[in-house]
Amino acid sequence: MAFKRSAQRQVVVKRGRRGGGGYAFAAEGADVSADVQPMSGEMAQRMYGLEPEQMRRLLAAAGADIRPGDGVCVGVEAGAAPDYRVTYVAKWMRHTEAHLRWIPPAQRGADA
């Protein structure tokens, strides 16, 4: 799968805090250049039971350090609590693919 370099933008990936549970993430994160796209409605509903606007697909360079449970700042500032959580990661020869689930504002940064 190829993706355009021109479609990439910087997102910040933050590790989940150990023992924090829920949506608690490290304060600092790593910049990752990625193409973030909406997931197709049918695929998001079949896989996760969610509405399409609640899911995103992230495509980054091969070897990108992204893990399930990480938080990703997509539509928020780098210093804010992440607005998406990584639910799935696949490492391919030419790219890394991750599925992101939207975190409602009231739950961002919460330990539950």
PDB file of N, CA and C in Angstrom:
ATOM      1  N   MET A   1       0.851  -1.176   0.000  1.00  0.00           N
ATOM      2  CA  MET A   1       0.000   0.000   0.000  1.00  0.00           C
ATOM      3  C   MET A   1       0.889   1.229   0.000  1.00  0.00           C
ATOM      4  N   ALA A   2       0.620   2.105  -0.896  1.00  0.00           N
ATOM      5  CA  ALA A   2       1.399   3.344  -0.965  1.00  0.00           C
ATOM      6  C   ALA A   2       0.568   4.492  -0.418  1.00  0.00           C
ATOM      7  N   PHE A   3       1.224   5.443   0.148  1.00  0.00           N
ATOM      8  CA  PHE A   3       0.534   6.646   0.595  1.00  0.00           C
ATOM      9  C   PHE A   3       1.400   7.836   0.257  1.00  0.00           C
ATOM     10  N   LYS A   4       0.742   8.940  -0.029  1.00  0.00           N
ATOM     11  CA  LYS A   4       1.447  10.125  -0.480  1.00  0.00           C
ATOM     12  C   LYS A   4       2.185  10.814   0.652  1.00  0.00           C
ATOM     13  N   ARG A   5       3.407  11.145   0.409  1.00  0.00           N
ATOM     14  CA  ARG A   5       4.178  11.906   1.391  1.00  0.00           C
ATOM     15  C   ARG A   5       3.551  13.278   1.603  1.00  0.00           C
ATOM     16  N   SER A   6       2.947  13.836   0.545  1.00  0.00           N
ATOM     17  CA  SER A   6       2.342  15.167   0.663  1.00  0.00           C
ATOM     18  C   SER A   6       1.121  15.162   1.588  1.00  0.00           C
ATOM     19  N   ALA A   7       0.512  13.998   1.791  1.00  0.00           N
ATOM     20  CA  ALA A   7      -0.664  13.904   2.668  1.00  0.00           C
ATOM     21  C   ALA A   7      -0.263  13.735   4.132  1.00  0.00           C
ATOM     22  N   GLN A   8       1.013  13.546   4.400  1.00  0.00           N
ATOM     23  CA  GLN A   8       1.460  13.311   5.767  1.00  0.00           C
ATOM     24  C   GLN A   8       1.503  14.606   6.566  1.00  0.00           C
ATOM     25  N   ARG A   9       1.319  14.443   7.867  1.00  0.00           N
ATOM     26  CA  ARG A   9       1.444  15.561   8.807  1.00  0.00           C
ATOM     27  C   ARG A   9       2.007  15.009  10.107  1.00  0.00           C
ATOM     28  N   GLN A  10       2.430  15.898  10.966  1.00  0.00           N
ATOM     29  CA  GLN A  10       2.999  15.483  12.247  1.00  0.00           C
ATOM     30  C   GLN A  10       1.874  15.202  13.247  1.00  0.00           C
ATOM     31  N   VAL A  11       1.954  14.052  13.880  1.00  0.00           N
ATOM     32  CA  VAL A  11       1.095  13.728  15.014  1.00  0.00           C
ATOM     33  C   VAL A  11       2.026  13.362  16.164  1.00  0.00           C
ATOM     34  N   VAL A  12       1.506  13.382  17.380  1.00  0.00           N
ATOM     35  CA  VAL A  12       2.321  13.033  18.550  1.00  0.00           C
ATOM     36  C   VAL A  12       1.772  11.745  19.149  1.00  0.00           C
ATOM     37  N   VAL A  13       2.663  10.769  19.337  1.00  0.00           N
ATOM     38  CA  VAL A  13       2.296   9.478  19.916  1.00  0.00           C
ATOM     39  C   VAL A  13       2.804   9.448  21.351  1.00  0.00           C
ATOM     40  N   LYS A  14       1.879   9.172  22.298  1.00  0.00           N
ATOM     41  CA  LYS A  14       2.231   9.132  23.721  1.00  0.00           C
ATOM     42  C   LYS A  14       1.936   7.752  24.281  1.00  0.00           C
ATOM     43  N   ARG A  15       2.846   7.249  25.070  1.00  0.00           N
ATOM     44  CA  ARG A  15       2.677   5.939  25.700  1.00  0.00           C
ATOM     45  C   ARG A  15       1.636   6.015  26.814  1.00  0.00           C
ATOM     46  N   GLY A  16       0.896   4.912  26.996  1.00  0.00           N
ATOM     47  CA  GLY A  16      -0.013   4.812  28.126  1.00  0.00           C
ATOM     48  C   GLY A  16       0.789   4.735  29.414  1.00  0.00           C
ATOM     49  N   ARG A  17       0.294   5.365  30.470  1.00  0.00           N
ATOM     50  CA  ARG A  17       1.004   5.314  31.751  1.00  0.00           C
ATOM     51  C   ARG A  17       0.747   3.976  32.415  1.00  0.00           C
ATOM     52  N   ARG A  18       1.803   3.347  32.873  1.00  0.00           N
ATOM     53  CA  ARG A  18       1.674   2.064  33.582  1.00  0.00           C
ATOM     54  C   ARG A  18       0.877   2.270  34.856  1.00  0.00           C
ATOM     55  N   GLY A  19      -0.085   1.405  35.043  1.00  0.00           N
ATOM     56  CA  GLY A  19      -0.906   1.487  36.246  1.00  0.00           C
ATOM     57  C   GLY A  19      -1.934   2.601  36.192  1.00  0.00           C
ATOM     58  N   GLY A  20      -1.895   3.397  35.134  1.00  0.00           N
ATOM     59  CA  GLY A  20      -2.841   4.499  35.008  1.00  0.00           C
ATOM     60  C   GLY A  20      -4.187   4.040  34.497  1.00  0.00           C
ATOM     61  N   GLY A  21      -4.172   3.000  33.648  1.00  0.00           N
ATOM     62  CA  GLY A  21      -5.411   2.494  33.095  1.00  0.00           C
ATOM     63  C   GLY A  21      -6.117   3.519  32.238  1.00  0.00           C
ATOM     64  N   GLY A  22      -7.249   3.145  31.705  1.00  0.00           N
ATOM     65  CA  GLY A  22      -8.094   4.071  30.962  1.00  0.00           C
ATOM     66  C   GLY A  22      -7.362   4.893  29.941  1.00  0.00           C
ATOM     67  N   TYR A  23      -7.479   6.200  30.051  1.00  0.00           N
ATOM     68  CA  TYR A  23      -6.918   7.113  29.070  1.00  0.00           C
ATOM     69  C   TYR A  23      -5.817   7.984  29.663  1.00  0.00           C
ATOM     70  N   ALA A  24      -5.018   7.428  30.559  1.00  0.00           N
ATOM     71  CA  ALA A  24      -3.894   8.154  31.150  1.00  0.00           C
ATOM     72  C   ALA A  24      -2.655   7.897  30.294  1.00  0.00           C
ATOM     73  N   PHE A  25      -2.047   8.973  29.811  1.00  0.00           N
ATOM     74  CA  PHE A  25      -0.886   8.855  28.934  1.00  0.00           C
ATOM     75  C   PHE A  25       0.259   9.685  29.472  1.00  0.00           C
ATOM     76  N   ALA A  26       1.468   9.359  29.012  1.00  0.00           N
ATOM     77  CA  ALA A  26       2.647  10.133  29.375  1.00  0.00           C
ATOM     78  C   ALA A  26       2.470  11.576  28.908  1.00  0.00           C
ATOM     79  N   ALA A  27       3.079  12.499  29.623  1.00  0.00           N
ATOM     80  CA  ALA A  27       2.961  13.917  29.264  1.00  0.00           C
ATOM     81  C   ALA A  27       3.693  14.230  27.964  1.00  0.00           C
ATOM     82  N   GLU A  28       4.811  13.576  27.742  1.00  0.00           N
ATOM     83  CA  GLU A  28       5.615  13.813  26.539  1.00  0.00           C
ATOM     84  C   GLU A  28       5.404  12.684  25.543  1.00  0.00           C
ATOM     85  N   GLY A  29       5.601  12.991  24.269  1.00  0.00           N
ATOM     86  CA  GLY A  29       5.441  11.978  23.243  1.00  0.00           C
ATOM     87  C   GLY A  29       6.458  12.145  22.137  1.00  0.00           C
ATOM     88  N   ALA A  30       6.340  11.298  21.131  1.00  0.00           N
ATOM     89  CA  ALA A  30       7.246  11.325  19.989  1.00  0.00           C
ATOM     90  C   ALA A  30       6.493  11.805  18.748  1.00  0.00           C
ATOM     91  N   ASP A  31       7.137  12.686  17.985  1.00  0.00           N
ATOM     92  CA  ASP A  31       6.554  13.140  16.722  1.00  0.00           C
ATOM     93  C   ASP A  31       6.650  12.024  15.694  1.00  0.00           C
ATOM     94  N   VAL A  32       5.555  11.815  14.975  1.00  0.00           N
ATOM     95  CA  VAL A  32       5.521  10.818  13.904  1.00  0.00           C
ATOM     96  C   VAL A  32       4.879  11.476  12.695  1.00  0.00           C
ATOM     97  N   SER A  33       5.505  11.320  11.548  1.00  0.00           N
ATOM     98  CA  SER A  33       4.938  11.814  10.306  1.00  0.00           C
ATOM     99  C   SER A  33       3.995  10.739   9.774  1.00  0.00           C
ATOM    100  N   ALA A  34       2.709  11.087   9.604  1.00  0.00           N
ATOM    101  CA  ALA A  34       1.720  10.078   9.232  1.00  0.00           C
ATOM    102  C   ALA A  34       0.615  10.677   8.381  1.00  0.00           C
ATOM    103  N   ASP A  35      -0.047   9.806   7.651  1.00  0.00           N
ATOM    104  CA  ASP A  35      -1.254  10.142   6.903  1.00  0.00           C
ATOM    105  C   ASP A  35      -2.406   9.579   7.734  1.00  0.00           C
ATOM    106  N   VAL A  36      -3.296  10.443   8.212  1.00  0.00           N
ATOM    107  CA  VAL A  36      -4.426  10.018   9.028  1.00  0.00           C
ATOM    108  C   VAL A  36      -5.682  10.152   8.186  1.00  0.00           C
ATOM    109  N   GLN A  37      -6.402   9.031   8.026  1.00  0.00           N
ATOM    110  CA  GLN A  37      -7.575   8.982   7.163  1.00  0.00           C
ATOM    111  C   GLN A  37      -8.778   8.450   7.925  1.00  0.00           C
ATOM    112  N   PRO A  38      -9.987   8.826   7.501  1.00  0.00           N
ATOM    113  CA  PRO A  38     -11.175   8.202   8.090  1.00  0.00           C
ATOM    114  C   PRO A  38     -11.225   6.734   7.675  1.00  0.00           C
ATOM    115  N   MET A  39     -11.729   5.877   8.551  1.00  0.00           N
ATOM    116  CA  MET A  39     -11.945   4.479   8.176  1.00  0.00           C
ATOM    117  C   MET A  39     -13.269   4.388   7.437  1.00  0.00           C
ATOM    118  N   SER A  40     -13.386   3.402   6.573  1.00  0.00           N
ATOM    119  CA  SER A  40     -14.661   3.243   5.872  1.00  0.00           C
ATOM    120  C   SER A  40     -15.734   2.852   6.880  1.00  0.00           C
ATOM    121  N   GLY A  41     -16.940   3.319   6.667  1.00  0.00           N
ATOM    122  CA  GLY A  41     -18.030   3.076   7.603  1.00  0.00           C
ATOM    123  C   GLY A  41     -18.299   1.614   7.866  1.00  0.00           C
ATOM    124  N   GLU A  42     -18.351   0.822   6.813  1.00  0.00           N
ATOM    125  CA  GLU A  42     -18.669  -0.591   6.982  1.00  0.00           C
ATOM    126  C   GLU A  42     -17.565  -1.316   7.749  1.00  0.00           C
ATOM    127  N   MET A  43     -16.306  -1.012   7.436  1.00  0.00           N
ATOM    128  CA  MET A  43     -15.199  -1.683   8.116  1.00  0.00           C
ATOM    129  C   MET A  43     -15.168  -1.312   9.595  1.00  0.00           C
ATOM    130  N   ALA A  44     -15.325  -0.033   9.915  1.00  0.00           N
ATOM    131  CA  ALA A  44     -15.313   0.394  11.318  1.00  0.00           C
ATOM    132  C   ALA A  44     -16.451  -0.249  12.096  1.00  0.00           C
ATOM    133  N   GLN A  45     -17.626  -0.316  11.506  1.00  0.00           N
ATOM    134  CA  GLN A  45     -18.758  -0.903  12.210  1.00  0.00           C
ATOM    135  C   GLN A  45     -18.591  -2.402  12.393  1.00  0.00           C
ATOM    136  N   ARG A  46     -18.085  -3.092  11.365  1.00  0.00           N
ATOM    137  CA  ARG A  46     -17.900  -4.537  11.482  1.00  0.00           C
ATOM    138  C   ARG A  46     -16.830  -4.893  12.510  1.00  0.00           C
ATOM    139  N   MET A  47     -15.702  -4.171  12.479  1.00  0.00           N
ATOM    140  CA  MET A  47     -14.579  -4.527  13.348  1.00  0.00           C
ATOM    141  C   MET A  47     -14.758  -4.049  14.778  1.00  0.00           C
ATOM    142  N   TYR A  48     -15.308  -2.854  14.958  1.00  0.00           N
ATOM    143  CA  TYR A  48     -15.305  -2.238  16.276  1.00  0.00           C
ATOM    144  C   TYR A  48     -16.686  -1.878  16.797  1.00  0.00           C
ATOM    145  N   GLY A  49     -17.728  -1.971  15.970  1.00  0.00           N
ATOM    146  CA  GLY A  49     -19.060  -1.593  16.399  1.00  0.00           C
ATOM    147  C   GLY A  49     -19.195  -0.096  16.625  1.00  0.00           C
ATOM    148  N   LEU A  50     -18.386   0.701  15.941  1.00  0.00           N
ATOM    149  CA  LEU A  50     -18.378   2.151  16.126  1.00  0.00           C
ATOM    150  C   LEU A  50     -18.797   2.858  14.855  1.00  0.00           C
ATOM    151  N   GLU A  51     -19.239   4.078  15.010  1.00  0.00           N
ATOM    152  CA  GLU A  51     -19.561   4.914  13.862  1.00  0.00           C
ATOM    153  C   GLU A  51     -18.259   5.320  13.176  1.00  0.00           C
ATOM    154  N   PRO A  52     -18.289   5.510  11.862  1.00  0.00           N
ATOM    155  CA  PRO A  52     -17.057   5.838  11.121  1.00  0.00           C
ATOM    156  C   PRO A  52     -16.334   7.076  11.641  1.00  0.00           C
ATOM    157  N   GLU A  53     -17.070   8.085  12.091  1.00  0.00           N
ATOM    158  CA  GLU A  53     -16.402   9.310  12.562  1.00  0.00           C
ATOM    159  C   GLU A  53     -15.629   9.092  13.861  1.00  0.00           C
ATOM    160  N   GLN A  54     -15.789   7.943  14.502  1.00  0.00           N
ATOM    161  CA  GLN A  54     -15.075   7.644  15.740  1.00  0.00           C
ATOM    162  C   GLN A  54     -13.770   6.888  15.496  1.00  0.00           C
ATOM    163  N   MET A  55     -13.503   6.518  14.242  1.00  0.00           N
ATOM    164  CA  MET A  55     -12.318   5.724  13.921  1.00  0.00           C
ATOM    165  C   MET A  55     -11.493   6.400  12.831  1.00  0.00           C
ATOM    166  N   ARG A  56     -10.175   6.251  12.940  1.00  0.00           N
ATOM    167  CA  ARG A  56      -9.251   6.752  11.923  1.00  0.00           C
ATOM    168  C   ARG A  56      -8.235   5.655  11.623  1.00  0.00           C
ATOM    169  N   ARG A  57      -7.657   5.727  10.437  1.00  0.00           N
ATOM    170  CA  ARG A  57      -6.574   4.832  10.050  1.00  0.00           C
ATOM    171  C   ARG A  57      -5.337   5.696   9.888  1.00  0.00           C
ATOM    172  N   LEU A  58      -4.259   5.302  10.512  1.00  0.00           N
ATOM    173  CA  LEU A  58      -3.005   6.036  10.467  1.00  0.00           C
ATOM    174  C   LEU A  58      -2.014   5.212   9.661  1.00  0.00           C
ATOM    175  N   LEU A  59      -1.374   5.849   8.690  1.00  0.00           N
ATOM    176  CA  LEU A  59      -0.327   5.213   7.900  1.00  0.00           C
ATOM    177  C   LEU A  59       0.961   5.988   8.124  1.00  0.00           C
ATOM    178  N   ALA A  60       2.000   5.281   8.552  1.00  0.00           N
ATOM    179  CA  ALA A  60       3.285   5.912   8.837  1.00  0.00           C
ATOM    180  C   ALA A  60       4.392   5.076   8.196  1.00  0.00           C
ATOM    181  N   ALA A  61       5.596   5.566   8.275  1.00  0.00           N
ATOM    182  CA  ALA A  61       6.741   4.863   7.698  1.00  0.00           C
ATOM    183  C   ALA A  61       6.939   3.509   8.372  1.00  0.00           C
ATOM    184  N   ALA A  62       7.540   2.609   7.639  1.00  0.00           N
ATOM    185  CA  ALA A  62       7.865   1.296   8.199  1.00  0.00           C
ATOM    186  C   ALA A  62       8.735   1.490   9.438  1.00  0.00           C
ATOM    187  N   GLY A  63       8.473   0.731  10.464  1.00  0.00           N
ATOM    188  CA  GLY A  63       9.271   0.820  11.682  1.00  0.00           C
ATOM    189  C   GLY A  63       8.855   1.925  12.631  1.00  0.00           C
ATOM    190  N   ALA A  64       7.766   2.636  12.331  1.00  0.00           N
ATOM    191  CA  ALA A  64       7.296   3.681  13.247  1.00  0.00           C
ATOM    192  C   ALA A  64       6.983   3.048  14.601  1.00  0.00           C
ATOM    193  N   ASP A  65       7.382   3.705  15.671  1.00  0.00           N
ATOM    194  CA  ASP A  65       7.216   3.161  17.027  1.00  0.00           C
ATOM    195  C   ASP A  65       5.817   3.488  17.547  1.00  0.00           C
ATOM    196  N   ILE A  66       4.856   2.709  17.098  1.00  0.00           N
ATOM    197  CA  ILE A  66       3.457   2.860  17.508  1.00  0.00           C
ATOM    198  C   ILE A  66       2.991   1.509  18.023  1.00  0.00           C
ATOM    199  N   ARG A  67       2.324   1.505  19.181  1.00  0.00           N
ATOM    200  CA  ARG A  67       1.876   0.263  19.812  1.00  0.00           C
ATOM    201  C   ARG A  67       0.409   0.365  20.207  1.00  0.00           C
ATOM    202  N   PRO A  68      -0.287  -0.785  20.256  1.00  0.00           N
ATOM    203  CA  PRO A  68      -1.657  -0.749  20.777  1.00  0.00           C
ATOM    204  C   PRO A  68      -1.658  -0.180  22.195  1.00  0.00           C
ATOM    205  N   GLY A  69      -2.631   0.676  22.483  1.00  0.00           N
ATOM    206  CA  GLY A  69      -2.725   1.307  23.793  1.00  0.00           C
ATOM    207  C   GLY A  69      -2.104   2.691  23.849  1.00  0.00           C
ATOM    208  N   ASP A  70      -1.299   3.054  22.847  1.00  0.00           N
ATOM    209  CA  ASP A  70      -0.723   4.401  22.802  1.00  0.00           C
ATOM    210  C   ASP A  70      -1.823   5.424  22.564  1.00  0.00           C
ATOM    211  N   GLY A  71      -1.564   6.648  22.948  1.00  0.00           N
ATOM    212  CA  GLY A  71      -2.448   7.761  22.636  1.00  0.00           C
ATOM    213  C   GLY A  71      -1.850   8.558  21.499  1.00  0.00           C
ATOM    214  N   VAL A  72      -2.701   9.150  20.655  1.00  0.00           N
ATOM    215  CA  VAL A  72      -2.224   9.930  19.518  1.00  0.00           C
ATOM    216  C   VAL A  72      -2.945  11.277  19.505  1.00  0.00           C
ATOM    217  N   CYS A  73      -2.178  12.341  19.411  1.00  0.00           N
ATOM    218  CA  CYS A  73      -2.730  13.695  19.287  1.00  0.00           C
ATOM    219  C   CYS A  73      -2.894  13.981  17.803  1.00  0.00           C
ATOM    220  N   VAL A  74      -4.125  13.900  17.320  1.00  0.00           N
ATOM    221  CA  VAL A  74      -4.420  14.121  15.911  1.00  0.00           C
ATOM    222  C   VAL A  74      -5.021  15.507  15.712  1.00  0.00           C
ATOM    223  N   GLY A  75      -6.102  15.802  16.428  1.00  0.00           N
ATOM    224  CA  GLY A  75      -6.790  17.072  16.278  1.00  0.00           C
ATOM    225  C   GLY A  75      -6.594  18.010  17.449  1.00  0.00           C
ATOM    226  N   VAL A  76      -5.647  17.693  18.323  1.00  0.00           N
ATOM    227  CA  VAL A  76      -5.356  18.525  19.490  1.00  0.00           C
ATOM    228  C   VAL A  76      -3.872  18.878  19.495  1.00  0.00           C
ATOM    229  N   GLU A  77      -3.503  19.882  20.266  1.00  0.00           N
ATOM    230  CA  GLU A  77      -2.111  20.304  20.380  1.00  0.00           C
ATOM    231  C   GLU A  77      -1.252  19.185  20.976  1.00  0.00           C
ATOM    232  N   ALA A  78       0.032  19.218  20.696  1.00  0.00           N
ATOM    233  CA  ALA A  78       0.958  18.188  21.159  1.00  0.00           C
ATOM    234  C   ALA A  78       0.999  18.071  22.682  1.00  0.00           C
ATOM    235  N   GLY A  79       0.792  19.165  23.401  1.00  0.00           N
ATOM    236  CA  GLY A  79       0.851  19.131  24.862  1.00  0.00           C
ATOM    237  C   GLY A  79      -0.448  18.708  25.523  1.00  0.00           C
ATOM    238  N   ALA A  80      -1.503  18.541  24.741  1.00  0.00           N
ATOM    239  CA  ALA A  80      -2.818  18.164  25.292  1.00  0.00           C
ATOM    240  C   ALA A  80      -2.918  16.650  25.474  1.00  0.00           C
ATOM    241  N   ALA A  81      -3.972  16.225  26.162  1.00  0.00           N
ATOM    242  CA  ALA A  81      -4.252  14.796  26.278  1.00  0.00           C
ATOM    243  C   ALA A  81      -4.651  14.285  24.888  1.00  0.00           C
ATOM    244  N   PRO A  82      -4.196  13.084  24.502  1.00  0.00           N
ATOM    245  CA  PRO A  82      -4.507  12.552  23.173  1.00  0.00           C
ATOM    246  C   PRO A  82      -6.015  12.460  22.922  1.00  0.00           C
ATOM    247  N   ASP A  83      -6.386  12.664  21.662  1.00  0.00           N
ATOM    248  CA  ASP A  83      -7.794  12.546  21.291  1.00  0.00           C
ATOM    249  C   ASP A  83      -8.113  11.211  20.616  1.00  0.00           C
ATOM    250  N   TYR A  84      -7.085  10.369  20.406  1.00  0.00           N
ATOM    251  CA  TYR A  84      -7.302   9.027  19.863  1.00  0.00           C
ATOM    252  C   TYR A  84      -6.425   8.024  20.605  1.00  0.00           C
ATOM    253  N   ARG A  85      -6.891   6.779  20.659  1.00  0.00           N
ATOM    254  CA  ARG A  85      -6.134   5.677  21.252  1.00  0.00           C
ATOM    255  C   ARG A  85      -5.912   4.621  20.180  1.00  0.00           C
ATOM    256  N   VAL A  86      -4.717   4.053  20.115  1.00  0.00           N
ATOM    257  CA  VAL A  86      -4.383   3.018  19.139  1.00  0.00           C
ATOM    258  C   VAL A  86      -5.016   1.699  19.588  1.00  0.00           C
ATOM    259  N   THR A  87      -5.811   1.097  18.682  1.00  0.00           N
ATOM    260  CA  THR A  87      -6.456  -0.177  19.003  1.00  0.00           C
ATOM    261  C   THR A  87      -5.820  -1.353  18.273  1.00  0.00           C
ATOM    262  N   TYR A  88      -5.085  -1.067  17.193  1.00  0.00           N
ATOM    263  CA  TYR A  88      -4.525  -2.132  16.358  1.00  0.00           C
ATOM    264  C   TYR A  88      -3.316  -1.579  15.618  1.00  0.00           C
ATOM    265  N   VAL A  89      -2.284  -2.398  15.476  1.00  0.00           N
ATOM    266  CA  VAL A  89      -1.101  -1.995  14.705  1.00  0.00           C
ATOM    267  C   VAL A  89      -0.659  -3.168  13.842  1.00  0.00           C
ATOM    268  N   ALA A  90      -0.359  -2.881  12.589  1.00  0.00           N
ATOM    269  CA  ALA A  90       0.220  -3.870  11.679  1.00  0.00           C
ATOM    270  C   ALA A  90       1.492  -3.274  11.101  1.00  0.00           C
ATOM    271  N   LYS A  91       2.576  -4.015  11.201  1.00  0.00           N
ATOM    272  CA  LYS A  91       3.867  -3.592  10.654  1.00  0.00           C
ATOM    273  C   LYS A  91       4.052  -4.301   9.320  1.00  0.00           C
ATOM    274  N   TRP A  92       4.116  -3.527   8.258  1.00  0.00           N
ATOM    275  CA  TRP A  92       4.311  -4.065   6.919  1.00  0.00           C
ATOM    276  C   TRP A  92       5.715  -3.703   6.440  1.00  0.00           C
ATOM    277  N   MET A  93       6.116  -4.282   5.336  1.00  0.00           N
ATOM    278  CA  MET A  93       7.468  -4.048   4.839  1.00  0.00           C
ATOM    279  C   MET A  93       7.688  -2.572   4.495  1.00  0.00           C
ATOM    280  N   ARG A  94       6.672  -1.906   3.938  1.00  0.00           N
ATOM    281  CA  ARG A  94       6.859  -0.534   3.474  1.00  0.00           C
ATOM    282  C   ARG A  94       6.162   0.514   4.320  1.00  0.00           C
ATOM    283  N   HIS A  95       5.347   0.102   5.284  1.00  0.00           N
ATOM    284  CA  HIS A  95       4.652   1.079   6.117  1.00  0.00           C
ATOM    285  C   HIS A  95       4.123   0.432   7.395  1.00  0.00           C
ATOM    286  N   THR A  96       3.679   1.277   8.307  1.00  0.00           N
ATOM    287  CA  THR A  96       3.019   0.849   9.534  1.00  0.00           C
ATOM    288  C   THR A  96       1.587   1.357   9.471  1.00  0.00           C
ATOM    289  N   GLU A  97       0.637   0.489   9.787  1.00  0.00           N
ATOM    290  CA  GLU A  97      -0.772   0.869   9.795  1.00  0.00           C
ATOM    291  C   GLU A  97      -1.304   0.734  11.218  1.00  0.00           C
ATOM    292  N   ALA A  98      -2.054   1.726  11.657  1.00  0.00           N
ATOM    293  CA  ALA A  98      -2.669   1.679  12.989  1.00  0.00           C
ATOM    294  C   ALA A  98      -4.121   2.119  12.880  1.00  0.00           C
ATOM    295  N   HIS A  99      -4.971   1.499  13.677  1.00  0.00           N
ATOM    296  CA  HIS A  99      -6.362   1.920  13.781  1.00  0.00           C
ATOM    297  C   HIS A  99      -6.494   2.733  15.064  1.00  0.00           C
ATOM    298  N   LEU A 100      -7.156   3.875  14.961  1.00  0.00           N
ATOM    299  CA  LEU A 100      -7.301   4.801  16.080  1.00  0.00           C
ATOM    300  C   LEU A 100      -8.765   4.933  16.459  1.00  0.00           C
ATOM    301  N   ARG A 101      -9.036   4.912  17.754  1.00  0.00           N
ATOM    302  CA  ARG A 101     -10.392   5.093  18.266  1.00  0.00           C
ATOM    303  C   ARG A 101     -10.470   6.434  18.985  1.00  0.00           C
ATOM    304  N   TRP A 102     -11.476   7.226  18.656  1.00  0.00           N
ATOM    305  CA  TRP A 102     -11.673   8.551  19.234  1.00  0.00           C
ATOM    306  C   TRP A 102     -11.952   8.459  20.729  1.00  0.00           C
ATOM    307  N   ILE A 103     -11.354   9.362  21.505  1.00  0.00           N
ATOM    308  CA  ILE A 103     -11.579   9.457  22.953  1.00  0.00           C
ATOM    309  C   ILE A 103     -12.451  10.690  23.182  1.00  0.00           C
ATOM    310  N   PRO A 104     -13.654  10.529  23.743  1.00  0.00           N
ATOM    311  CA  PRO A 104     -14.505  11.689  24.022  1.00  0.00           C
ATOM    312  C   PRO A 104     -13.780  12.676  24.942  1.00  0.00           C
ATOM    313  N   PRO A 105     -13.986  13.984  24.758  1.00  0.00           N
ATOM    314  CA  PRO A 105     -13.285  14.995  25.552  1.00  0.00           C
ATOM    315  C   PRO A 105     -13.389  14.795  27.055  1.00  0.00           C
ATOM    316  N   ALA A 106     -14.523  14.360  27.552  1.00  0.00           N
ATOM    317  CA  ALA A 106     -14.699  14.184  28.999  1.00  0.00           C
ATOM    318  C   ALA A 106     -13.834  13.057  29.557  1.00  0.00           C
ATOM    319  N   GLN A 107     -13.371  12.147  28.693  1.00  0.00           N
ATOM    320  CA  GLN A 107     -12.571  11.010  29.161  1.00  0.00           C
ATOM    321  C   GLN A 107     -11.072  11.192  28.945  1.00  0.00           C
ATOM    322  N   ARG A 108     -10.687  12.212  28.230  1.00  0.00           N
ATOM    323  CA  ARG A 108      -9.262  12.416  27.942  1.00  0.00           C
ATOM    324  C   ARG A 108      -8.502  12.731  29.202  1.00  0.00           C
ATOM    325  N   GLY A 109      -7.435  11.969  29.426  1.00  0.00           N
ATOM    326  CA  GLY A 109      -6.600  12.175  30.604  1.00  0.00           C
ATOM    327  C   GLY A 109      -7.141  11.489  31.845  1.00  0.00           C
ATOM    328  N   ALA A 110      -8.310  10.866  31.753  1.00  0.00           N
ATOM    329  CA  ALA A 110      -8.907  10.188  32.913  1.00  0.00           C
ATOM    330  C   ALA A 110      -8.215   8.850  33.152  1.00  0.00           C
ATOM    331  N   ASP A 111      -8.274   8.402  34.392  1.00  0.00           N
ATOM    332  CA  ASP A 111      -7.667   7.120  34.757  1.00  0.00           C
ATOM    333  C   ASP A 111      -8.661   5.972  34.699  1.00  0.00           C
ATOM    334  N   ALA A 112      -9.866   6.208  34.280  1.00  0.00           N
ATOM    335  CA  ALA A 112     -10.866   5.136  34.272  1.00  0.00           C
ATOM    336  C   ALA A 112     -11.152   4.661  32.876  1.00  0.00           C
TER     337      ALA A 112
END
